[in-house]
N, C-alpha and C. Protein backbone atom coordinates (compact mmCIF):
# COMPACT_ATOMS: atom_id res chain seq x y z
N UNK A 1 -31.26 54.87 57.12
CA UNK A 1 -30.62 54.36 55.94
C UNK A 1 -30.66 52.84 55.99
N UNK A 2 -31.11 52.23 54.91
CA UNK A 2 -31.28 50.78 54.86
C UNK A 2 -30.11 50.17 54.10
N UNK A 3 -29.18 49.55 54.81
CA UNK A 3 -28.03 48.89 54.19
C UNK A 3 -28.25 47.39 54.29
N UNK A 4 -28.35 46.77 53.16
CA UNK A 4 -28.49 45.33 53.14
C UNK A 4 -27.32 44.73 52.39
N UNK A 5 -26.88 43.60 52.86
CA UNK A 5 -25.77 42.91 52.24
C UNK A 5 -26.28 42.06 51.08
N UNK A 6 -25.70 42.27 49.93
CA UNK A 6 -26.06 41.48 48.75
C UNK A 6 -24.81 40.75 48.27
N UNK A 7 -24.74 39.42 48.41
CA UNK A 7 -23.57 38.67 47.96
C UNK A 7 -23.29 38.86 46.47
N UNK A 8 -24.34 39.06 45.68
CA UNK A 8 -24.13 39.22 44.25
C UNK A 8 -23.35 40.50 43.94
N UNK A 9 -23.39 41.47 44.82
CA UNK A 9 -22.64 42.71 44.60
C UNK A 9 -21.14 42.46 44.64
N UNK A 10 -20.71 41.43 45.36
CA UNK A 10 -19.29 41.09 45.41
C UNK A 10 -18.82 40.45 44.12
N UNK A 11 -19.71 39.82 43.40
CA UNK A 11 -19.33 39.13 42.18
C UNK A 11 -19.20 40.07 40.98
N UNK A 12 -19.83 41.21 41.03
CA UNK A 12 -19.78 42.13 39.90
C UNK A 12 -18.37 42.57 39.55
N UNK A 13 -17.48 42.83 40.51
CA UNK A 13 -16.13 43.27 40.14
C UNK A 13 -15.25 42.16 39.56
N UNK A 14 -15.62 40.89 39.69
CA UNK A 14 -14.77 39.81 39.22
C UNK A 14 -14.45 39.89 37.73
N UNK A 15 -15.44 40.11 36.84
CA UNK A 15 -15.07 40.22 35.42
C UNK A 15 -14.08 41.35 35.17
N UNK A 16 -14.24 42.45 35.87
CA UNK A 16 -13.31 43.55 35.73
C UNK A 16 -11.92 43.14 36.21
N UNK A 17 -11.86 42.42 37.32
CA UNK A 17 -10.59 41.96 37.85
C UNK A 17 -9.90 41.05 36.84
N UNK A 18 -10.65 40.12 36.24
CA UNK A 18 -10.06 39.19 35.29
C UNK A 18 -9.56 39.89 34.03
N UNK A 19 -10.21 40.97 33.63
CA UNK A 19 -9.74 41.69 32.45
C UNK A 19 -8.50 42.51 32.76
N UNK A 20 -8.32 42.91 34.02
CA UNK A 20 -7.16 43.70 34.39
C UNK A 20 -5.93 42.84 34.65
N UNK A 21 -6.13 41.59 34.99
CA UNK A 21 -5.01 40.71 35.26
C UNK A 21 -4.39 40.26 33.96
N UNK A 22 -3.08 40.39 33.87
CA UNK A 22 -2.40 39.93 32.67
C UNK A 22 -2.00 38.48 32.84
N UNK A 23 -2.17 37.68 31.81
CA UNK A 23 -1.80 36.28 31.93
C UNK A 23 -0.29 36.10 32.00
N UNK A 24 0.13 35.07 32.72
CA UNK A 24 1.54 34.75 32.80
C UNK A 24 1.92 33.97 31.56
N UNK A 25 3.03 34.34 31.00
CA UNK A 25 3.53 33.60 29.86
C UNK A 25 4.80 32.88 30.28
N UNK A 26 4.88 31.60 29.96
CA UNK A 26 6.09 30.86 30.25
C UNK A 26 7.15 31.28 29.25
N UNK A 27 8.28 31.70 29.73
CA UNK A 27 9.30 32.20 28.83
C UNK A 27 9.93 31.09 28.00
N UNK A 28 9.85 29.86 28.46
CA UNK A 28 10.53 28.79 27.77
C UNK A 28 9.59 27.92 26.93
N UNK A 29 8.30 28.08 27.06
CA UNK A 29 7.40 27.18 26.35
C UNK A 29 6.10 27.88 26.04
N UNK A 30 5.53 27.53 24.93
CA UNK A 30 4.16 27.89 24.65
C UNK A 30 3.50 26.60 24.22
N UNK A 31 2.22 26.48 24.43
CA UNK A 31 1.54 25.20 24.30
C UNK A 31 1.68 24.57 22.92
N UNK A 32 1.95 25.36 21.90
CA UNK A 32 2.05 24.82 20.55
C UNK A 32 3.49 24.65 20.09
N UNK A 33 4.46 25.11 20.86
CA UNK A 33 5.85 25.08 20.45
C UNK A 33 6.71 24.57 21.59
N UNK A 34 6.75 23.28 21.74
CA UNK A 34 7.51 22.67 22.83
C UNK A 34 9.00 22.66 22.51
N UNK A 35 9.85 22.82 23.53
CA UNK A 35 11.29 22.86 23.29
C UNK A 35 11.83 21.48 22.94
N UNK A 36 12.96 21.49 22.26
CA UNK A 36 13.63 20.23 21.95
C UNK A 36 14.42 19.77 23.17
N UNK A 37 15.07 18.63 23.06
CA UNK A 37 15.79 18.04 24.20
C UNK A 37 16.89 18.96 24.70
N UNK A 38 17.60 19.63 23.80
CA UNK A 38 18.68 20.53 24.22
C UNK A 38 18.14 21.72 25.00
N UNK A 39 17.06 22.31 24.52
CA UNK A 39 16.46 23.45 25.22
C UNK A 39 15.97 23.03 26.59
N UNK A 40 15.41 21.85 26.69
CA UNK A 40 14.94 21.34 27.97
C UNK A 40 16.11 21.12 28.93
N UNK A 41 17.20 20.58 28.42
CA UNK A 41 18.40 20.37 29.23
C UNK A 41 18.95 21.71 29.72
N UNK A 42 18.93 22.73 28.86
CA UNK A 42 19.39 24.06 29.27
C UNK A 42 18.50 24.63 30.38
N UNK A 43 17.19 24.44 30.24
CA UNK A 43 16.26 24.93 31.27
C UNK A 43 16.50 24.21 32.59
N UNK A 44 16.74 22.91 32.54
CA UNK A 44 17.04 22.15 33.76
C UNK A 44 18.31 22.67 34.42
N UNK A 45 19.36 22.90 33.61
CA UNK A 45 20.62 23.40 34.16
C UNK A 45 20.45 24.80 34.74
N UNK A 46 19.69 25.65 34.04
CA UNK A 46 19.45 27.00 34.52
C UNK A 46 18.75 26.97 35.88
N UNK A 47 17.75 26.11 36.02
CA UNK A 47 17.03 26.02 37.29
C UNK A 47 17.92 25.49 38.40
N UNK A 48 18.73 24.50 38.11
CA UNK A 48 19.59 23.91 39.14
C UNK A 48 20.68 24.88 39.60
N UNK A 49 21.14 25.74 38.68
CA UNK A 49 22.23 26.66 39.01
C UNK A 49 21.74 28.02 39.50
N UNK A 50 20.44 28.24 39.45
CA UNK A 50 19.88 29.53 39.85
C UNK A 50 20.02 29.74 41.35
N UNK A 51 19.91 31.00 41.73
CA UNK A 51 19.89 31.34 43.15
C UNK A 51 18.63 30.73 43.77
N UNK A 52 18.70 30.36 45.03
CA UNK A 52 17.54 29.73 45.67
C UNK A 52 16.25 30.54 45.53
N UNK A 53 16.35 31.88 45.56
CA UNK A 53 15.16 32.72 45.46
C UNK A 53 14.50 32.63 44.08
N UNK A 54 15.23 32.20 43.07
CA UNK A 54 14.69 32.15 41.72
C UNK A 54 14.27 30.75 41.29
N UNK A 55 14.64 29.76 42.07
CA UNK A 55 14.41 28.39 41.67
C UNK A 55 12.94 28.00 41.59
N UNK A 56 12.11 28.51 42.47
CA UNK A 56 10.70 28.13 42.47
C UNK A 56 10.07 28.38 41.10
N UNK A 57 10.25 29.57 40.58
CA UNK A 57 9.65 29.88 39.28
C UNK A 57 10.28 29.05 38.18
N UNK A 58 11.58 28.89 38.19
CA UNK A 58 12.25 28.12 37.14
C UNK A 58 11.84 26.65 37.18
N UNK A 59 11.73 26.09 38.37
CA UNK A 59 11.26 24.71 38.47
C UNK A 59 9.79 24.60 38.05
N UNK A 60 9.01 25.64 38.33
CA UNK A 60 7.62 25.65 37.88
C UNK A 60 7.56 25.67 36.36
N UNK A 61 8.45 26.43 35.73
CA UNK A 61 8.52 26.42 34.26
C UNK A 61 8.86 25.02 33.75
N UNK A 62 9.79 24.37 34.43
CA UNK A 62 10.15 23.00 34.05
C UNK A 62 8.96 22.06 34.19
N UNK A 63 8.27 22.15 35.29
CA UNK A 63 7.10 21.31 35.52
C UNK A 63 6.05 21.55 34.43
N UNK A 64 5.83 22.81 34.11
CA UNK A 64 4.86 23.15 33.07
C UNK A 64 5.29 22.56 31.72
N UNK A 65 6.52 22.79 31.34
CA UNK A 65 7.03 22.31 30.06
C UNK A 65 6.97 20.79 29.98
N UNK A 66 7.41 20.13 31.03
CA UNK A 66 7.42 18.66 31.02
C UNK A 66 6.00 18.09 31.06
N UNK A 67 5.08 18.78 31.69
CA UNK A 67 3.69 18.34 31.67
C UNK A 67 3.14 18.40 30.25
N UNK A 68 3.45 19.48 29.54
CA UNK A 68 3.01 19.60 28.15
C UNK A 68 3.64 18.49 27.29
N UNK A 69 4.91 18.23 27.52
CA UNK A 69 5.59 17.18 26.76
C UNK A 69 4.97 15.82 27.07
N UNK A 70 4.73 15.54 28.35
CA UNK A 70 4.12 14.26 28.74
C UNK A 70 2.74 14.11 28.13
N UNK A 71 1.98 15.19 28.11
CA UNK A 71 0.65 15.15 27.51
C UNK A 71 0.72 14.82 26.03
N UNK A 72 1.64 15.45 25.34
CA UNK A 72 1.79 15.16 23.91
C UNK A 72 2.25 13.72 23.70
N UNK A 73 3.17 13.26 24.53
CA UNK A 73 3.65 11.88 24.41
C UNK A 73 2.50 10.91 24.62
N UNK A 74 1.68 11.19 25.61
CA UNK A 74 0.56 10.32 25.92
C UNK A 74 -0.44 10.30 24.75
N UNK A 75 -0.76 11.50 24.25
CA UNK A 75 -1.73 11.59 23.15
C UNK A 75 -1.20 10.94 21.87
N UNK A 76 0.13 10.87 21.75
CA UNK A 76 0.73 10.22 20.58
C UNK A 76 0.92 8.73 20.79
N UNK A 77 0.46 8.21 21.94
CA UNK A 77 0.51 6.78 22.19
C UNK A 77 1.80 6.28 22.80
N UNK A 78 2.67 7.17 23.23
CA UNK A 78 3.94 6.77 23.84
C UNK A 78 3.83 6.81 25.36
N UNK A 79 3.09 5.85 25.90
CA UNK A 79 2.78 5.83 27.33
C UNK A 79 4.04 5.66 28.19
N UNK A 80 4.99 4.86 27.76
CA UNK A 80 6.21 4.65 28.55
C UNK A 80 7.02 5.94 28.68
N UNK A 81 7.17 6.65 27.57
CA UNK A 81 7.91 7.91 27.59
C UNK A 81 7.16 8.96 28.42
N UNK A 82 5.83 8.99 28.29
CA UNK A 82 5.02 9.93 29.07
C UNK A 82 5.17 9.64 30.56
N UNK A 83 5.19 8.38 30.93
CA UNK A 83 5.36 8.00 32.33
C UNK A 83 6.72 8.45 32.86
N UNK A 84 7.77 8.28 32.06
CA UNK A 84 9.11 8.72 32.46
C UNK A 84 9.15 10.24 32.62
N UNK A 85 8.50 10.95 31.73
CA UNK A 85 8.46 12.41 31.81
C UNK A 85 7.69 12.85 33.05
N UNK A 86 6.58 12.16 33.36
CA UNK A 86 5.80 12.51 34.55
C UNK A 86 6.58 12.24 35.84
N UNK A 87 7.48 11.27 35.81
CA UNK A 87 8.33 11.04 36.98
C UNK A 87 9.27 12.23 37.19
N UNK A 88 9.75 12.81 36.09
CA UNK A 88 10.57 14.02 36.20
C UNK A 88 9.73 15.18 36.73
N UNK A 89 8.48 15.27 36.28
CA UNK A 89 7.58 16.31 36.77
C UNK A 89 7.45 16.18 38.29
N UNK A 90 7.25 14.96 38.77
CA UNK A 90 7.10 14.72 40.20
C UNK A 90 8.39 15.10 40.95
N UNK A 91 9.53 14.81 40.36
CA UNK A 91 10.81 15.15 40.97
C UNK A 91 10.95 16.67 41.12
N UNK A 92 10.66 17.40 40.05
CA UNK A 92 10.79 18.86 40.11
C UNK A 92 9.72 19.49 40.99
N UNK A 93 8.56 18.89 41.05
CA UNK A 93 7.52 19.37 41.98
C UNK A 93 8.00 19.22 43.41
N UNK A 94 8.69 18.14 43.70
CA UNK A 94 9.25 17.94 45.04
C UNK A 94 10.31 18.99 45.34
N UNK A 95 11.12 19.36 44.35
CA UNK A 95 12.13 20.41 44.57
C UNK A 95 11.46 21.76 44.84
N UNK A 96 10.34 22.02 44.17
CA UNK A 96 9.58 23.25 44.44
C UNK A 96 9.12 23.23 45.90
N UNK A 97 8.55 22.12 46.29
CA UNK A 97 8.05 21.97 47.66
C UNK A 97 9.17 22.21 48.69
N UNK A 98 10.33 21.60 48.48
CA UNK A 98 11.42 21.70 49.43
C UNK A 98 12.02 23.10 49.49
N UNK A 99 12.05 23.80 48.38
CA UNK A 99 12.68 25.11 48.34
C UNK A 99 11.75 26.28 48.52
N UNK A 100 10.48 26.02 48.68
CA UNK A 100 9.49 27.09 48.70
C UNK A 100 9.67 28.06 49.86
N UNK A 101 10.07 27.60 51.01
CA UNK A 101 10.18 28.47 52.18
C UNK A 101 11.23 29.56 51.99
N UNK A 102 12.26 29.30 51.20
CA UNK A 102 13.32 30.30 51.05
C UNK A 102 13.18 31.10 49.76
N UNK A 103 12.12 30.88 49.02
CA UNK A 103 11.95 31.52 47.72
C UNK A 103 10.78 32.48 47.77
N UNK A 104 11.05 33.75 47.55
CA UNK A 104 9.97 34.73 47.55
C UNK A 104 9.90 35.49 46.23
N UNK A 105 10.71 35.16 45.29
CA UNK A 105 10.74 35.90 44.03
C UNK A 105 9.80 35.26 43.01
N UNK A 106 8.97 36.06 42.41
CA UNK A 106 8.06 35.64 41.35
C UNK A 106 7.09 34.55 41.79
N UNK A 107 6.69 34.58 43.04
CA UNK A 107 5.78 33.56 43.56
C UNK A 107 4.43 33.61 42.85
N UNK A 108 3.90 34.79 42.63
CA UNK A 108 2.59 34.90 41.98
C UNK A 108 2.66 34.34 40.56
N UNK A 109 3.74 34.64 39.85
CA UNK A 109 3.90 34.08 38.51
C UNK A 109 4.00 32.55 38.56
N UNK A 110 4.73 32.06 39.55
CA UNK A 110 4.85 30.61 39.70
C UNK A 110 3.49 29.98 40.01
N UNK A 111 2.71 30.65 40.85
CA UNK A 111 1.39 30.11 41.20
C UNK A 111 0.47 30.09 39.98
N UNK A 112 0.47 31.15 39.19
CA UNK A 112 -0.37 31.19 38.00
C UNK A 112 0.06 30.13 36.98
N UNK A 113 1.36 29.97 36.82
CA UNK A 113 1.85 28.96 35.89
C UNK A 113 1.52 27.55 36.38
N UNK A 114 1.63 27.33 37.69
CA UNK A 114 1.29 26.02 38.25
C UNK A 114 -0.21 25.75 38.10
N UNK A 115 -1.02 26.79 38.26
CA UNK A 115 -2.46 26.63 38.05
C UNK A 115 -2.74 26.19 36.61
N UNK A 116 -2.10 26.85 35.67
CA UNK A 116 -2.26 26.47 34.25
C UNK A 116 -1.79 25.03 34.03
N UNK A 117 -0.69 24.67 34.66
CA UNK A 117 -0.13 23.33 34.50
C UNK A 117 -1.08 22.27 35.05
N UNK A 118 -1.64 22.49 36.23
CA UNK A 118 -2.55 21.50 36.80
C UNK A 118 -3.83 21.39 35.96
N UNK A 119 -4.26 22.51 35.40
CA UNK A 119 -5.44 22.47 34.53
C UNK A 119 -5.15 21.64 33.27
N UNK A 120 -3.99 21.84 32.68
CA UNK A 120 -3.62 21.07 31.48
C UNK A 120 -3.47 19.58 31.81
N UNK A 121 -2.85 19.28 32.93
CA UNK A 121 -2.69 17.88 33.31
C UNK A 121 -4.04 17.24 33.55
N UNK A 122 -4.97 17.98 34.11
CA UNK A 122 -6.33 17.48 34.31
C UNK A 122 -7.00 17.18 32.96
N UNK A 123 -6.76 18.05 31.97
CA UNK A 123 -7.30 17.80 30.63
C UNK A 123 -6.71 16.53 30.04
N UNK A 124 -5.40 16.34 30.21
CA UNK A 124 -4.77 15.12 29.72
C UNK A 124 -5.32 13.89 30.43
N UNK A 125 -5.60 14.03 31.71
CA UNK A 125 -6.15 12.91 32.48
C UNK A 125 -7.48 12.45 31.88
N UNK A 126 -8.30 13.39 31.46
CA UNK A 126 -9.60 13.03 30.89
C UNK A 126 -9.47 12.36 29.52
N UNK A 127 -8.36 12.58 28.83
CA UNK A 127 -8.14 11.99 27.52
C UNK A 127 -7.33 10.70 27.59
N UNK A 128 -6.79 10.40 28.76
CA UNK A 128 -5.87 9.27 28.91
C UNK A 128 -6.60 7.94 28.91
N UNK A 129 -5.86 6.93 28.51
CA UNK A 129 -6.39 5.57 28.59
C UNK A 129 -6.38 5.14 30.05
N UNK A 130 -7.08 4.07 30.34
CA UNK A 130 -7.19 3.57 31.71
C UNK A 130 -5.86 3.24 32.34
N UNK A 131 -4.91 2.73 31.56
CA UNK A 131 -3.61 2.35 32.11
C UNK A 131 -2.73 3.55 32.43
N UNK A 132 -2.98 4.69 31.77
CA UNK A 132 -2.19 5.90 32.02
C UNK A 132 -2.74 6.73 33.17
N UNK A 133 -3.98 6.52 33.53
CA UNK A 133 -4.63 7.38 34.50
C UNK A 133 -4.01 7.36 35.90
N UNK A 134 -3.60 6.21 36.44
CA UNK A 134 -3.03 6.24 37.80
C UNK A 134 -1.79 7.14 37.92
N UNK A 135 -0.91 7.09 36.93
CA UNK A 135 0.29 7.94 36.97
C UNK A 135 -0.10 9.41 36.87
N UNK A 136 -1.02 9.71 35.97
CA UNK A 136 -1.47 11.09 35.81
C UNK A 136 -2.16 11.59 37.08
N UNK A 137 -2.99 10.76 37.69
CA UNK A 137 -3.69 11.15 38.92
C UNK A 137 -2.70 11.42 40.06
N UNK A 138 -1.70 10.58 40.19
CA UNK A 138 -0.70 10.77 41.25
C UNK A 138 0.08 12.06 41.03
N UNK A 139 0.46 12.32 39.79
CA UNK A 139 1.19 13.54 39.49
C UNK A 139 0.31 14.76 39.72
N UNK A 140 -0.94 14.69 39.29
CA UNK A 140 -1.86 15.80 39.48
C UNK A 140 -2.08 16.09 40.96
N UNK A 141 -2.19 15.04 41.75
CA UNK A 141 -2.37 15.22 43.19
C UNK A 141 -1.16 15.94 43.79
N UNK A 142 0.03 15.54 43.40
CA UNK A 142 1.24 16.18 43.90
C UNK A 142 1.32 17.64 43.45
N UNK A 143 0.98 17.92 42.19
CA UNK A 143 1.03 19.29 41.70
C UNK A 143 -0.01 20.17 42.37
N UNK A 144 -1.17 19.62 42.68
CA UNK A 144 -2.18 20.39 43.40
C UNK A 144 -1.70 20.78 44.79
N UNK A 145 -0.99 19.87 45.46
CA UNK A 145 -0.43 20.18 46.78
C UNK A 145 0.61 21.29 46.66
N UNK A 146 1.48 21.18 45.66
CA UNK A 146 2.50 22.21 45.46
C UNK A 146 1.85 23.55 45.12
N UNK A 147 0.82 23.53 44.29
CA UNK A 147 0.13 24.77 43.95
C UNK A 147 -0.47 25.41 45.19
N UNK A 148 -1.09 24.61 46.05
CA UNK A 148 -1.65 25.14 47.31
C UNK A 148 -0.56 25.75 48.18
N UNK A 149 0.61 25.10 48.23
CA UNK A 149 1.71 25.63 49.03
C UNK A 149 2.22 26.95 48.46
N UNK A 150 2.32 27.03 47.14
CA UNK A 150 2.76 28.28 46.51
C UNK A 150 1.75 29.38 46.80
N UNK A 151 0.47 29.05 46.67
CA UNK A 151 -0.57 30.05 46.92
C UNK A 151 -0.52 30.53 48.37
N UNK A 152 -0.28 29.63 49.29
CA UNK A 152 -0.15 30.02 50.69
C UNK A 152 1.03 30.98 50.87
N UNK A 153 2.15 30.69 50.21
CA UNK A 153 3.31 31.59 50.28
C UNK A 153 3.00 32.95 49.67
N UNK A 154 2.23 32.97 48.58
CA UNK A 154 1.85 34.24 47.95
C UNK A 154 1.10 35.10 48.96
N UNK A 155 0.16 34.50 49.66
CA UNK A 155 -0.63 35.25 50.63
C UNK A 155 0.17 35.63 51.88
N UNK A 156 1.21 34.88 52.19
CA UNK A 156 2.04 35.20 53.34
C UNK A 156 3.04 36.32 53.07
N UNK A 157 3.30 36.61 51.82
CA UNK A 157 4.31 37.64 51.51
C UNK A 157 3.66 38.90 51.04
């Protein structure tokens, strides 16, 4: 019997896998309908008051929402406000990083949402003016590190 290894045979199931995977939906935001200041404040309070096991996903939702808001602010020419929002993104990304070891709930959802968030921030980076790019690059670098950490936790659990 002649058994030969064909790397292309491993790739055939990928389209099937992608069709079976359901996309994660952020419960608090959709890309075309961003929350107002009150809704954002409620989401921040909910994340801060949540049990430690639930905070990773809630902070990831905050990071996603604020990234979308910062992107819109940047595209609308409000660079100062976008920079302030990105600083909040960095703060909440740090909270995800610090709390990740004790959080095992909804890690896969958090990882998928963080992946979407880093992809969107990368898109905004390509559209940004030269003066906005350093802040966006620094935030994207931090979010990529957090995404890698979440993914590592997903595989460890």
